[in-house]
C-alpha cells in the first residue's frame, strides 16, 4: 500500500524486499511527494555507511597470507573450522615479522590448481551451515568465445596480479579476499533530460530478492576481461545485443569494506555508462530480473535518498553517476567528503 511510504522522516523509509510495486517506486520518486531538500546529501551518506560497516571489528580477523602477500582476512571464529583441515590450512606465528598470527596454505599446495581444489574441497565439506549460499561452483562452467572458464573468483594480492588460486563467490567474504565486479548504468536522453533504466530483482534471487538494481551488474569471474563481462551480462540480464553494449564506457570504480560477523567483504566495482537508444526496451534473459522501469535521473536520486529499496552497493554506483553527470554539485555541504567516501575500500 502507498501509505506504507508516508512516514514523517522520509530518509528512514524501509520496507521488506518485494513488498513494494513500481507504482510505489514512482510515488516515492516524485519531487512533489515529500517535503525534502534535494541538495541535502544525508541520504547518500547513509547508503555509503550501509556498505562500510564493522571497521571496529577488524582486530578479530587474521591476515590470510600466501607467498608473503596478504590476500585476505579470516575471522578467528571461522578459522576454528579451518583448523580441522591441517593438510590445507596452517596457522604460523610470526612474532618478529610483519604479520603476527596469520593463516596460510600448507606448503605442499604449490600450484594454483592444487590450491583451488584443496580449498574447494574444504568449502564443500563445510557446506551451507558454515558458509551460506555455497553453490559448489567448482563444477560449474561458462563459455565465452568458445573458451571454457571456471565460474570462480581469483585470489590475488591486487587487481591484475598473479592468481594464487580460485575461490567460490559465496566463500569469498569468509576468506576476506578482494572481489571485483562490473556495474553498468543504462541511460536514455530525451529532449535534454536523462533517464535511468532501473531493474527489480527476481524474488527467487538468493541475495536481496525483490530489491531495485542497476540495468546490468555482475561479479568478475576468473579469466574474463571487464569489458567482455559487461557485454555478457548485458545480454543475459537485459537482452542488450553486443552491437549496442560494445558502446559501454568505463568511467571508474567504487569500493567499500563491509564487515559483519565472520564476513569481510572487500569489494571493488568497475563502473560503466551506456547511452541507449530511446526505442530500446530491456528484456531479461536469465530469470534474475522481475522487470524494468525507465525513470528520470532526479527521480532515481530521490528513491536513493529517501529509501532503502535499492540493493546497497548499487546506490554507490548511482551516486557516482550523479556526481559525474552534474546532479550533485559542489555547493552542497559535504560534497568532497561524499565523493571520497565512494572509494572507502582499497581499490588496487
C-alpha atoms as a PDB file:
ATOM      1  CA  UNK A   1       0.000   0.000   0.000  1.00  0.00           C
ATOM      2  CA  UNK A   2       1.209   3.515  -0.755  1.00  0.00           C
ATOM      3  CA  UNK A   3       0.506   4.545   2.812  1.00  0.00           C
ATOM      4  CA  UNK A   4       3.481   2.374   3.826  1.00  0.00           C
ATOM      5  CA  UNK A   5       5.709   5.040   2.347  1.00  0.00           C
ATOM      6  CA  UNK A   6       4.478   8.107   4.245  1.00  0.00           C
ATOM      7  CA  UNK A   7       6.472   8.361   7.485  1.00  0.00           C
ATOM      8  CA  UNK A   8       7.404  11.769   8.841  1.00  0.00           C
ATOM      9  CA  UNK A   9      11.147  11.191   8.386  1.00  0.00           C
ATOM     10  CA  UNK A  10      11.410  10.280   4.726  1.00  0.00           C
ATOM     11  CA  UNK A  11      15.042   9.083   4.793  1.00  0.00           C
ATOM     12  CA  UNK A  12      14.107   6.270   7.163  1.00  0.00           C
ATOM     13  CA  UNK A  13      11.630   4.739   4.712  1.00  0.00           C
ATOM     14  CA  UNK A  14      12.252   1.000   4.765  1.00  0.00           C
ATOM     15  CA  UNK A  15      10.138  -1.924   3.620  1.00  0.00           C
ATOM     16  CA  UNK A  16      10.690  -5.642   3.324  1.00  0.00           C
ATOM     17  CA  UNK A  17      12.026  -6.731  -0.048  1.00  0.00           C
ATOM     18  CA  UNK A  18       9.254  -7.451  -2.501  1.00  0.00           C
ATOM     19  CA  UNK A  19       6.525  -5.583  -0.610  1.00  0.00           C
ATOM     20  CA  UNK A  20       6.549  -2.624  -2.971  1.00  0.00           C
ATOM     21  CA  UNK A  21       5.335  -2.157  -6.529  1.00  0.00           C
ATOM     22  CA  UNK A  22       6.516   0.005  -9.417  1.00  0.00           C
ATOM     23  CA  UNK A  23       3.649   2.372  -8.586  1.00  0.00           C
ATOM     24  CA  UNK A  24       5.145   2.766  -5.106  1.00  0.00           C
ATOM     25  CA  UNK A  25       8.562   3.480  -6.598  1.00  0.00           C
ATOM     26  CA  UNK A  26       7.103   6.159  -8.864  1.00  0.00           C
ATOM     27  CA  UNK A  27       5.225   7.745  -5.956  1.00  0.00           C
ATOM     28  CA  UNK A  28       8.334   7.849  -3.769  1.00  0.00           C
ATOM     29  CA  UNK A  29      10.454   9.255  -6.586  1.00  0.00           C
ATOM     30  CA  UNK A  30       8.264  12.261  -7.403  1.00  0.00           C
ATOM     31  CA  UNK A  31       9.768  15.584  -6.256  1.00  0.00           C
ATOM     32  CA  UNK A  32       6.341  16.701  -5.025  1.00  0.00           C
ATOM     33  CA  UNK A  33       5.753  13.580  -2.882  1.00  0.00           C
ATOM     34  CA  UNK A  34       7.866  14.665   0.085  1.00  0.00           C
ATOM     35  CA  UNK A  35       8.997  17.953   1.532  1.00  0.00           C
ATOM     36  CA  UNK A  36      12.759  17.414   1.481  1.00  0.00           C
ATOM     37  CA  UNK A  37      15.768  19.242   0.121  1.00  0.00           C
ATOM     38  CA  UNK A  38      17.390  17.599  -2.956  1.00  0.00           C
ATOM     39  CA  UNK A  39      20.709  19.270  -2.093  1.00  0.00           C
ATOM     40  CA  UNK A  40      20.770  17.533   1.318  1.00  0.00           C
ATOM     41  CA  UNK A  41      23.341  14.742   0.969  1.00  0.00           C
ATOM     42  CA  UNK A  42      22.420  12.981   4.228  1.00  0.00           C
ATOM     43  CA  UNK A  43      20.521  10.182   2.491  1.00  0.00           C
ATOM     44  CA  UNK A  44      23.517   9.450   0.274  1.00  0.00           C
ATOM     45  CA  UNK A  45      25.901   9.342   3.234  1.00  0.00           C
ATOM     46  CA  UNK A  46      23.588   6.810   4.889  1.00  0.00           C
ATOM     47  CA  UNK A  47      23.910   4.498   1.873  1.00  0.00           C
ATOM     48  CA  UNK A  48      27.706   4.744   1.925  1.00  0.00           C
ATOM     49  CA  UNK A  49      27.690   3.932   5.642  1.00  0.00           C
ATOM     50  CA  UNK A  50      25.463   0.911   4.999  1.00  0.00           C
ATOM     51  CA  UNK A  51      28.129  -0.527   2.678  1.00  0.00           C
ATOM     52  CA  UNK A  52      31.028   0.200   5.064  1.00  0.00           C
ATOM     53  CA  UNK A  53      30.111  -1.390   8.382  1.00  0.00           C
ATOM     54  CA  UNK A  54      32.177  -3.050  11.086  1.00  0.00           C
ATOM     55  CA  UNK A  55      35.541  -1.292  10.868  1.00  0.00           C
ATOM     56  CA  UNK A  56      35.775  -1.503  14.674  1.00  0.00           C
ATOM     57  CA  UNK A  57      35.943  -5.331  14.477  1.00  0.00           C
ATOM     58  CA  UNK A  58      38.963  -5.615  12.164  1.00  0.00           C
ATOM     59  CA  UNK A  59      41.129  -6.820  15.066  1.00  0.00           C
ATOM     60  CA  UNK A  60      39.015 -10.008  15.169  1.00  0.00           C
ATOM     61  CA  UNK A  61      40.448 -11.138  11.825  1.00  0.00           C
ATOM     62  CA  UNK A  62      43.710 -12.904  10.944  1.00  0.00           C
ATOM     63  CA  UNK A  63      45.628 -11.982   7.783  1.00  0.00           C
ATOM     64  CA  UNK A  64      45.433 -14.664   5.094  1.00  0.00           C
ATOM     65  CA  UNK A  65      48.933 -14.763   3.620  1.00  0.00           C
ATOM     66  CA  UNK A  66      50.309 -16.519   0.531  1.00  0.00           C
ATOM     67  CA  UNK A  67      53.920 -16.068  -0.659  1.00  0.00           C
ATOM     68  CA  UNK A  68      54.366 -13.172   1.788  1.00  0.00           C
ATOM     69  CA  UNK A  69      51.388 -11.333   0.300  1.00  0.00           C
ATOM     70  CA  UNK A  70      48.171 -10.602   2.209  1.00  0.00           C
ATOM     71  CA  UNK A  71      45.318 -11.895   0.055  1.00  0.00           C
ATOM     72  CA  UNK A  72      42.507 -11.784   2.611  1.00  0.00           C
ATOM     73  CA  UNK A  73      41.351 -11.786   6.236  1.00  0.00           C
ATOM     74  CA  UNK A  74      39.728 -14.601   8.242  1.00  0.00           C
ATOM     75  CA  UNK A  75      37.739 -14.227  11.444  1.00  0.00           C
ATOM     76  CA  UNK A  76      39.041 -16.148  14.467  1.00  0.00           C
ATOM     77  CA  UNK A  77      35.666 -17.886  14.724  1.00  0.00           C
ATOM     78  CA  UNK A  78      35.750 -19.060  11.112  1.00  0.00           C
ATOM     79  CA  UNK A  79      39.405 -20.056  11.491  1.00  0.00           C
ATOM     80  CA  UNK A  80      38.344 -22.681  14.058  1.00  0.00           C
ATOM     81  CA  UNK A  81      36.551 -24.542  11.276  1.00  0.00           C
ATOM     82  CA  UNK A  82      39.622 -24.391   9.048  1.00  0.00           C
ATOM     83  CA  UNK A  83      41.837 -25.909  11.747  1.00  0.00           C
ATOM     84  CA  UNK A  84      40.046 -29.200  11.098  1.00  0.00           C
ATOM     85  CA  UNK A  85      41.973 -29.380   7.793  1.00  0.00           C
ATOM     86  CA  UNK A  86      45.700 -29.229   8.704  1.00  0.00           C
ATOM     87  CA  UNK A  87      46.698 -30.600   5.299  1.00  0.00           C
ATOM     88  CA  UNK A  88      45.206 -27.485   3.701  1.00  0.00           C
ATOM     89  CA  UNK A  89      45.492 -24.639   6.244  1.00  0.00           C
ATOM     90  CA  UNK A  90      48.200 -23.840   8.765  1.00  0.00           C
ATOM     91  CA  UNK A  91      48.417 -21.078  11.367  1.00  0.00           C
ATOM     92  CA  UNK A  92      52.011 -19.906  11.889  1.00  0.00           C
ATOM     93  CA  UNK A  93      53.041 -17.232  14.361  1.00  0.00           C
ATOM     94  CA  UNK A  94      55.322 -14.550  13.021  1.00  0.00           C
ATOM     95  CA  UNK A  95      56.001 -12.656  16.237  1.00  0.00           C
ATOM     96  CA  UNK A  96      59.092 -10.973  14.855  1.00  0.00           C
ATOM     97  CA  UNK A  97      57.678 -10.320  11.404  1.00  0.00           C
ATOM     98  CA  UNK A  98      55.031  -8.172   9.782  1.00  0.00           C
ATOM     99  CA  UNK A  99      52.008 -10.459  10.137  1.00  0.00           C
ATOM    100  CA  UNK A 100      51.865 -11.718  13.746  1.00  0.00           C
ATOM    101  CA  UNK A 101      49.485 -14.668  13.865  1.00  0.00           C
ATOM    102  CA  UNK A 102      48.168 -15.462  10.384  1.00  0.00           C
ATOM    103  CA  UNK A 103      46.596 -18.074   8.137  1.00  0.00           C
ATOM    104  CA  UNK A 104      48.302 -19.627   5.128  1.00  0.00           C
ATOM    105  CA  UNK A 105      48.072 -22.714   2.932  1.00  0.00           C
ATOM    106  CA  UNK A 106      50.034 -25.893   3.501  1.00  0.00           C
ATOM    107  CA  UNK A 107      53.424 -25.849   1.789  1.00  0.00           C
ATOM    108  CA  UNK A 108      52.534 -28.988  -0.199  1.00  0.00           C
ATOM    109  CA  UNK A 109      49.960 -26.929  -2.146  1.00  0.00           C
ATOM    110  CA  UNK A 110      52.271 -25.271  -4.644  1.00  0.00           C
ATOM    111  CA  UNK A 111      50.208 -24.653  -7.788  1.00  0.00           C
ATOM    112  CA  UNK A 112      47.035 -22.584  -8.270  1.00  0.00           C
ATOM    113  CA  UNK A 113      45.236 -25.740  -9.405  1.00  0.00           C
ATOM    114  CA  UNK A 114      46.249 -27.719  -6.289  1.00  0.00           C
ATOM    115  CA  UNK A 115      45.208 -24.852  -4.027  1.00  0.00           C
ATOM    116  CA  UNK A 116      41.897 -24.344  -5.830  1.00  0.00           C
ATOM    117  CA  UNK A 117      40.891 -27.984  -5.484  1.00  0.00           C
ATOM    118  CA  UNK A 118      42.088 -28.306  -1.872  1.00  0.00           C
ATOM    119  CA  UNK A 119      40.308 -25.157  -0.653  1.00  0.00           C
ATOM    120  CA  UNK A 120      37.279 -26.054  -2.768  1.00  0.00           C
ATOM    121  CA  UNK A 121      37.029 -29.426  -1.050  1.00  0.00           C
ATOM    122  CA  UNK A 122      37.105 -27.685   2.347  1.00  0.00           C
ATOM    123  CA  UNK A 123      34.373 -25.241   1.302  1.00  0.00           C
ATOM    124  CA  UNK A 124      32.284 -28.166   0.072  1.00  0.00           C
ATOM    125  CA  UNK A 125      32.791 -30.042   3.360  1.00  0.00           C
ATOM    126  CA  UNK A 126      31.878 -27.022   5.487  1.00  0.00           C
ATOM    127  CA  UNK A 127      28.760 -26.507   3.388  1.00  0.00           C
ATOM    128  CA  UNK A 128      25.769 -24.246   3.877  1.00  0.00           C
ATOM    129  CA  UNK A 129      25.801 -24.473   7.671  1.00  0.00           C
ATOM    130  CA  UNK A 130      29.126 -22.636   7.856  1.00  0.00           C
ATOM    131  CA  UNK A 131      29.190 -20.794   4.514  1.00  0.00           C
ATOM    132  CA  UNK A 132      25.624 -19.870   3.468  1.00  0.00           C
ATOM    133  CA  UNK A 133      24.987 -19.705  -0.270  1.00  0.00           C
ATOM    134  CA  UNK A 134      27.664 -22.144  -1.400  1.00  0.00           C
ATOM    135  CA  UNK A 135      26.822 -23.465  -4.855  1.00  0.00           C
ATOM    136  CA  UNK A 136      29.643 -25.971  -5.448  1.00  0.00           C
ATOM    137  CA  UNK A 137      30.777 -23.773  -8.323  1.00  0.00           C
ATOM    138  CA  UNK A 138      33.987 -25.692  -8.828  1.00  0.00           C
ATOM    139  CA  UNK A 139      31.956 -27.800 -11.198  1.00  0.00           C
ATOM    140  CA  UNK A 140      30.066 -25.011 -12.936  1.00  0.00           C
ATOM    141  CA  UNK A 141      31.393 -23.666 -16.236  1.00  0.00           C
ATOM    142  CA  UNK A 142      30.540 -20.856 -18.583  1.00  0.00           C
ATOM    143  CA  UNK A 143      31.633 -20.430 -22.204  1.00  0.00           C
ATOM    144  CA  UNK A 144      32.947 -17.197 -23.672  1.00  0.00           C
ATOM    145  CA  UNK A 145      34.180 -17.167 -27.277  1.00  0.00           C
ATOM    146  CA  UNK A 146      34.443 -20.961 -27.239  1.00  0.00           C
ATOM    147  CA  UNK A 147      36.755 -20.957 -24.204  1.00  0.00           C
ATOM    148  CA  UNK A 148      35.616 -22.702 -21.039  1.00  0.00           C
ATOM    149  CA  UNK A 149      36.104 -20.590 -17.946  1.00  0.00           C
ATOM    150  CA  UNK A 150      35.515 -21.666 -14.385  1.00  0.00           C
ATOM    151  CA  UNK A 151      32.874 -19.600 -12.581  1.00  0.00           C
ATOM    152  CA  UNK A 152      35.243 -18.809  -9.707  1.00  0.00           C
ATOM    153  CA  UNK A 153      36.898 -15.688  -8.360  1.00  0.00           C
ATOM    154  CA  UNK A 154      40.675 -15.189  -8.481  1.00  0.00           C
ATOM    155  CA  UNK A 155      42.551 -14.818  -5.204  1.00  0.00           C
ATOM    156  CA  UNK A 156      45.253 -12.173  -5.718  1.00  0.00           C
ATOM    157  CA  UNK A 157      47.105  -9.553  -3.705  1.00  0.00           C
ATOM    158  CA  UNK A 158      45.844  -6.811  -6.058  1.00  0.00           C
ATOM    159  CA  UNK A 159      43.916  -6.414  -9.303  1.00  0.00           C
ATOM    160  CA  UNK A 160      45.805  -7.894 -12.237  1.00  0.00           C
ATOM    161  CA  UNK A 161      48.421  -9.590 -10.028  1.00  0.00           C
ATOM    162  CA  UNK A 162      49.250 -13.283 -10.272  1.00  0.00           C
ATOM    163  CA  UNK A 163      46.448 -15.624  -9.281  1.00  0.00           C
ATOM    164  CA  UNK A 164      47.308 -17.729  -6.216  1.00  0.00           C
ATOM    165  CA  UNK A 165      44.158 -19.853  -6.529  1.00  0.00           C
ATOM    166  CA  UNK A 166      40.431 -19.515  -7.242  1.00  0.00           C
ATOM    167  CA  UNK A 167      37.510 -19.473  -4.842  1.00  0.00           C
ATOM    168  CA  UNK A 168      33.735 -19.815  -4.997  1.00  0.00           C
ATOM    169  CA  UNK A 169      31.913 -16.492  -4.735  1.00  0.00           C
ATOM    170  CA  UNK A 170      29.907 -17.383  -1.592  1.00  0.00           C
ATOM    171  CA  UNK A 171      33.123 -18.252   0.245  1.00  0.00           C
ATOM    172  CA  UNK A 172      34.958 -15.071  -0.784  1.00  0.00           C
ATOM    173  CA  UNK A 173      33.849 -12.881   2.169  1.00  0.00           C
ATOM    174  CA  UNK A 174      34.676 -15.662   4.667  1.00  0.00           C
ATOM    175  CA  UNK A 175      38.254 -15.596   3.439  1.00  0.00           C
ATOM    176  CA  UNK A 176      38.201 -11.801   3.105  1.00  0.00           C
ATOM    177  CA  UNK A 177      39.518 -11.835  -0.444  1.00  0.00           C
ATOM    178  CA  UNK A 178      39.069  -8.815  -2.659  1.00  0.00           C
ATOM    179  CA  UNK A 179      36.255  -9.340  -5.154  1.00  0.00           C
ATOM    180  CA  UNK A 180      35.728  -7.328  -8.327  1.00  0.00           C
ATOM    181  CA  UNK A 181      32.549  -6.744 -10.290  1.00  0.00           C
ATOM    182  CA  UNK A 182      31.058  -4.660 -13.087  1.00  0.00           C
ATOM    183  CA  UNK A 183      28.053  -2.327 -12.703  1.00  0.00           C
ATOM    184  CA  UNK A 184      26.508  -0.522 -15.647  1.00  0.00           C
ATOM    185  CA  UNK A 185      24.130   2.415 -15.632  1.00  0.00           C
ATOM    186  CA  UNK A 186      21.995   2.339 -18.773  1.00  0.00           C
ATOM    187  CA  UNK A 187      20.515   5.739 -19.572  1.00  0.00           C
ATOM    188  CA  UNK A 188      18.449   7.485 -22.228  1.00  0.00           C
ATOM    189  CA  UNK A 189      18.361  11.153 -23.231  1.00  0.00           C
ATOM    190  CA  UNK A 190      15.098  12.784 -24.225  1.00  0.00           C
ATOM    191  CA  UNK A 191      14.934  16.474 -25.068  1.00  0.00           C
ATOM    192  CA  UNK A 192      17.951  17.243 -22.892  1.00  0.00           C
ATOM    193  CA  UNK A 193      16.749  15.210 -19.878  1.00  0.00           C
ATOM    194  CA  UNK A 194      18.445  11.989 -18.753  1.00  0.00           C
ATOM    195  CA  UNK A 195      16.553   8.873 -17.682  1.00  0.00           C
ATOM    196  CA  UNK A 196      17.939   5.748 -15.990  1.00  0.00           C
ATOM    197  CA  UNK A 197      16.746   2.207 -16.544  1.00  0.00           C
ATOM    198  CA  UNK A 198      16.130   0.560 -13.164  1.00  0.00           C
ATOM    199  CA  UNK A 199      15.733  -3.193 -12.666  1.00  0.00           C
ATOM    200  CA  UNK A 200      13.768  -5.032  -9.973  1.00  0.00           C
ATOM    201  CA  UNK A 201      15.483  -8.224  -8.867  1.00  0.00           C
ATOM    202  CA  UNK A 202      13.664 -11.538  -9.016  1.00  0.00           C
ATOM    203  CA  UNK A 203      12.038 -12.768  -5.814  1.00  0.00           C
ATOM    204  CA  UNK A 204      13.983 -16.023  -6.265  1.00  0.00           C
ATOM    205  CA  UNK A 205      17.417 -14.361  -6.082  1.00  0.00           C
ATOM    206  CA  UNK A 206      19.351 -15.732  -3.086  1.00  0.00           C
ATOM    207  CA  UNK A 207      20.609 -12.231  -2.236  1.00  0.00           C
ATOM    208  CA  UNK A 208      18.492  -9.054  -1.995  1.00  0.00           C
ATOM    209  CA  UNK A 209      15.385 -10.572  -3.649  1.00  0.00           C
ATOM    210  CA  UNK A 210      12.842  -8.101  -4.962  1.00  0.00           C
ATOM    211  CA  UNK A 211      15.068  -5.054  -4.484  1.00  0.00           C
ATOM    212  CA  UNK A 212      15.934  -2.406  -7.057  1.00  0.00           C
ATOM    213  CA  UNK A 213      19.116  -2.791  -9.074  1.00  0.00           C
ATOM    214  CA  UNK A 214      21.101  -1.404 -11.982  1.00  0.00           C
ATOM    215  CA  UNK A 215      20.181  -2.248 -15.518  1.00  0.00           C
ATOM    216  CA  UNK A 216      23.204  -4.597 -15.584  1.00  0.00           C
ATOM    217  CA  UNK A 217      25.633  -5.820 -12.920  1.00  0.00           C
ATOM    218  CA  UNK A 218      27.655  -8.911 -12.120  1.00  0.00           C
ATOM    219  CA  UNK A 219      30.743 -10.304 -10.472  1.00  0.00           C
ATOM    220  CA  UNK A 220      34.003 -10.577 -12.375  1.00  0.00           C
ATOM    221  CA  UNK A 221      34.938 -14.282 -12.553  1.00  0.00           C
ATOM    222  CA  UNK A 222      38.392 -15.561 -13.278  1.00  0.00           C
ATOM    223  CA  UNK A 223      39.638 -15.297 -16.838  1.00  0.00           C
ATOM    224  CA  UNK A 224      37.181 -12.801 -18.335  1.00  0.00           C
ATOM    225  CA  UNK A 225      38.090  -9.142 -19.014  1.00  0.00           C
ATOM    226  CA  UNK A 226      35.848  -6.408 -17.600  1.00  0.00           C
ATOM    227  CA  UNK A 227      34.576  -5.200 -20.983  1.00  0.00           C
ATOM    228  CA  UNK A 228      33.742  -8.717 -22.144  1.00  0.00           C
ATOM    229  CA  UNK A 229      31.952  -9.394 -18.861  1.00  0.00           C
ATOM    230  CA  UNK A 230      29.842  -6.240 -19.272  1.00  0.00           C
ATOM    231  CA  UNK A 231      28.698  -7.372 -22.730  1.00  0.00           C
ATOM    232  CA  UNK A 232      27.941 -10.887 -21.446  1.00  0.00           C
ATOM    233  CA  UNK A 233      25.891  -9.512 -18.529  1.00  0.00           C
ATOM    234  CA  UNK A 234      24.118  -7.050 -20.845  1.00  0.00           C
ATOM    235  CA  UNK A 235      22.932  -9.938 -22.991  1.00  0.00           C
ATOM    236  CA  UNK A 236      21.874 -12.146 -20.060  1.00  0.00           C
ATOM    237  CA  UNK A 237      20.254  -9.565 -17.811  1.00  0.00           C
ATOM    238  CA  UNK A 238      18.719  -7.069 -20.209  1.00  0.00           C
ATOM    239  CA  UNK A 239      18.785  -8.587 -23.704  1.00  0.00           C
ATOM    240  CA  UNK A 240      21.137  -5.854 -24.940  1.00  0.00           C
ATOM    241  CA  UNK A 241      22.846  -7.041 -28.153  1.00  0.00           C
ATOM    242  CA  UNK A 242      26.598  -6.675 -28.495  1.00  0.00           C
ATOM    243  CA  UNK A 243      26.083  -4.201 -31.330  1.00  0.00           C
ATOM    244  CA  UNK A 244      24.783  -1.818 -28.610  1.00  0.00           C
ATOM    245  CA  UNK A 245      26.623  -2.979 -25.461  1.00  0.00           C
ATOM    246  CA  UNK A 246      30.023  -2.532 -27.118  1.00  0.00           C
ATOM    247  CA  UNK A 247      29.359   1.184 -26.632  1.00  0.00           C
ATOM    248  CA  UNK A 248      29.502   0.875 -22.826  1.00  0.00           C
ATOM    249  CA  UNK A 249      32.103   3.321 -21.493  1.00  0.00           C
ATOM    250  CA  UNK A 250      34.303   2.542 -18.453  1.00  0.00           C
ATOM    251  CA  UNK A 251      34.045   5.534 -16.102  1.00  0.00           C
ATOM    252  CA  UNK A 252      35.934   4.486 -12.966  1.00  0.00           C
ATOM    253  CA  UNK A 253      35.288   2.356  -9.893  1.00  0.00           C
ATOM    254  CA  UNK A 254      33.783   2.453  -6.410  1.00  0.00           C
ATOM    255  CA  UNK A 255      34.967   0.406  -3.425  1.00  0.00           C
ATOM    256  CA  UNK A 256      33.772  -0.467   0.059  1.00  0.00           C
ATOM    257  CA  UNK A 257      34.619  -2.667   3.038  1.00  0.00           C
ATOM    258  CA  UNK A 258      31.726  -4.322   4.854  1.00  0.00           C
ATOM    259  CA  UNK A 259      32.434  -6.444   7.941  1.00  0.00           C
ATOM    260  CA  UNK A 260      29.628  -8.389   9.577  1.00  0.00           C
ATOM    261  CA  UNK A 261      30.129 -11.460  11.738  1.00  0.00           C
ATOM    262  CA  UNK A 262      32.594 -13.792  10.021  1.00  0.00           C
ATOM    263  CA  UNK A 263      32.157 -11.974   6.693  1.00  0.00           C
ATOM    264  CA  UNK A 264      34.775  -9.454   5.494  1.00  0.00           C
ATOM    265  CA  UNK A 265      33.670  -8.024   2.145  1.00  0.00           C
ATOM    266  CA  UNK A 266      36.348  -6.099   0.264  1.00  0.00           C
ATOM    267  CA  UNK A 267      34.607  -5.218  -2.981  1.00  0.00           C
ATOM    268  CA  UNK A 268      35.598  -3.100  -5.962  1.00  0.00           C
ATOM    269  CA  UNK A 269      33.004  -2.394  -8.649  1.00  0.00           C
ATOM    270  CA  UNK A 270      34.098  -1.169 -12.068  1.00  0.00           C
ATOM    271  CA  UNK A 271      31.533   1.374 -13.298  1.00  0.00           C
ATOM    272  CA  UNK A 272      30.237   1.676 -16.857  1.00  0.00           C
ATOM    273  CA  UNK A 273      27.808   4.034 -18.582  1.00  0.00           C
ATOM    274  CA  UNK A 274      25.827   3.027 -21.663  1.00  0.00           C
ATOM    275  CA  UNK A 275      23.703   5.528 -23.549  1.00  0.00           C
ATOM    276  CA  UNK A 276      20.835   3.535 -25.027  1.00  0.00           C
ATOM    277  CA  UNK A 277      18.571   4.295 -27.989  1.00  0.00           C
ATOM    278  CA  UNK A 278      15.214   5.745 -26.939  1.00  0.00           C
ATOM    279  CA  UNK A 279      13.495   2.875 -28.731  1.00  0.00           C
ATOM    280  CA  UNK A 280      15.331   0.117 -26.816  1.00  0.00           C
ATOM    281  CA  UNK A 281      13.322  -1.831 -24.209  1.00  0.00           C
ATOM    282  CA  UNK A 282      15.325  -4.204 -21.954  1.00  0.00           C
ATOM    283  CA  UNK A 283      14.226  -7.826 -21.661  1.00  0.00           C
ATOM    284  CA  UNK A 284      15.657 -10.169 -19.064  1.00  0.00           C
ATOM    285  CA  UNK A 285      17.019 -13.456 -20.420  1.00  0.00           C
ATOM    286  CA  UNK A 286      18.232 -15.375 -17.354  1.00  0.00           C
ATOM    287  CA  UNK A 287      15.254 -15.118 -14.993  1.00  0.00           C
ATOM    288  CA  UNK A 288      17.119 -12.978 -12.453  1.00  0.00           C
ATOM    289  CA  UNK A 289      15.142  -9.772 -13.092  1.00  0.00           C
ATOM    290  CA  UNK A 290      11.426  -9.284 -12.426  1.00  0.00           C
ATOM    291  CA  UNK A 291      11.050  -6.155 -14.530  1.00  0.00           C
ATOM    292  CA  UNK A 292      12.447  -2.790 -15.631  1.00  0.00           C
ATOM    293  CA  UNK A 293      11.376   0.837 -15.449  1.00  0.00           C
ATOM    294  CA  UNK A 294      12.732   3.991 -17.051  1.00  0.00           C
ATOM    295  CA  UNK A 295      12.805   6.913 -14.606  1.00  0.00           C
ATOM    296  CA  UNK A 296      14.206  10.458 -14.729  1.00  0.00           C
ATOM    297  CA  UNK A 297      17.633  10.549 -13.057  1.00  0.00           C
ATOM    298  CA  UNK A 298      16.374  13.047 -10.479  1.00  0.00           C
ATOM    299  CA  UNK A 299      13.594  10.624  -9.514  1.00  0.00           C
ATOM    300  CA  UNK A 300      16.068   7.752  -9.097  1.00  0.00           C
ATOM    301  CA  UNK A 301      18.125  10.058  -6.867  1.00  0.00           C
ATOM    302  CA  UNK A 302      15.036  10.688  -4.747  1.00  0.00           C
ATOM    303  CA  UNK A 303      14.459   6.947  -4.257  1.00  0.00           C
ATOM    304  CA  UNK A 304      18.072   6.527  -3.106  1.00  0.00           C
ATOM    305  CA  UNK A 305      17.924   9.500  -0.736  1.00  0.00           C
ATOM    306  CA  UNK A 306      14.551   8.558   0.743  1.00  0.00           C
ATOM    307  CA  UNK A 307      14.524   4.748   0.925  1.00  0.00           C
ATOM    308  CA  UNK A 308      16.470   1.518   1.172  1.00  0.00           C
ATOM    309  CA  UNK A 309      14.753  -0.082  -1.822  1.00  0.00           C
ATOM    310  CA  UNK A 310      17.960  -0.386  -3.852  1.00  0.00           C
ATOM    311  CA  UNK A 311      20.487  -3.168  -3.375  1.00  0.00           C
ATOM    312  CA  UNK A 312      23.032  -1.319  -1.180  1.00  0.00           C
ATOM    313  CA  UNK A 313      26.144  -1.399  -3.394  1.00  0.00           C
ATOM    314  CA  UNK A 314      24.099  -0.236  -6.397  1.00  0.00           C
ATOM    315  CA  UNK A 315      23.390   3.035  -4.616  1.00  0.00           C
ATOM    316  CA  UNK A 316      27.115   3.862  -4.558  1.00  0.00           C
ATOM    317  CA  UNK A 317      27.430   3.348  -8.317  1.00  0.00           C
ATOM    318  CA  UNK A 318      24.382   5.522  -8.981  1.00  0.00           C
ATOM    319  CA  UNK A 319      25.652   8.223  -6.615  1.00  0.00           C
ATOM    320  CA  UNK A 320      28.894   8.178  -8.629  1.00  0.00           C
ATOM    321  CA  UNK A 321      26.765   8.654 -11.781  1.00  0.00           C
ATOM    322  CA  UNK A 322      25.039  11.626 -10.119  1.00  0.00           C
ATOM    323  CA  UNK A 323      28.422  13.258  -9.470  1.00  0.00           C
ATOM    324  CA  UNK A 324      29.720  12.671 -12.978  1.00  0.00           C
ATOM    325  CA  UNK A 325      26.562  13.932 -14.687  1.00  0.00           C
ATOM    326  CA  UNK A 326      26.205  17.055 -12.553  1.00  0.00           C
ATOM    327  CA  UNK A 327      23.244  16.079 -10.359  1.00  0.00           C
ATOM    328  CA  UNK A 328      25.308  16.604  -7.187  1.00  0.00           C
ATOM    329  CA  UNK A 329      27.201  19.885  -7.152  1.00  0.00           C
ATOM    330  CA  UNK A 330      29.980  21.481  -5.076  1.00  0.00           C
ATOM    331  CA  UNK A 331      27.535  23.904  -3.472  1.00  0.00           C
ATOM    332  CA  UNK A 332      26.082  21.007  -1.433  1.00  0.00           C
ATOM    333  CA  UNK A 333      27.528  20.663   2.049  1.00  0.00           C
ATOM    334  CA  UNK A 334      29.682  17.540   2.296  1.00  0.00           C
ATOM    335  CA  UNK A 335      30.329  17.332  -1.478  1.00  0.00           C
ATOM    336  CA  UNK A 336      34.015  16.353  -1.308  1.00  0.00           C
ATOM    337  CA  UNK A 337      33.555  14.055   1.676  1.00  0.00           C
ATOM    338  CA  UNK A 338      30.785  12.141  -0.107  1.00  0.00           C
ATOM    339  CA  UNK A 339      32.829  11.945  -3.308  1.00  0.00           C
ATOM    340  CA  UNK A 340      35.801  10.487  -1.440  1.00  0.00           C
ATOM    341  CA  UNK A 341      33.620   8.076   0.536  1.00  0.00           C
ATOM    342  CA  UNK A 342      32.598   6.257  -2.658  1.00  0.00           C
ATOM    343  CA  UNK A 343      36.080   4.718  -2.581  1.00  0.00           C
ATOM    344  CA  UNK A 344      36.250   3.842   1.106  1.00  0.00           C
ATOM    345  CA  UNK A 345      37.798   0.454   0.337  1.00  0.00           C
ATOM    346  CA  UNK A 346      41.210  -0.131  -1.212  1.00  0.00           C
ATOM    347  CA  UNK A 347      40.811  -0.160  -4.992  1.00  0.00           C
ATOM    348  CA  UNK A 348      44.124  -1.738  -6.006  1.00  0.00           C
END
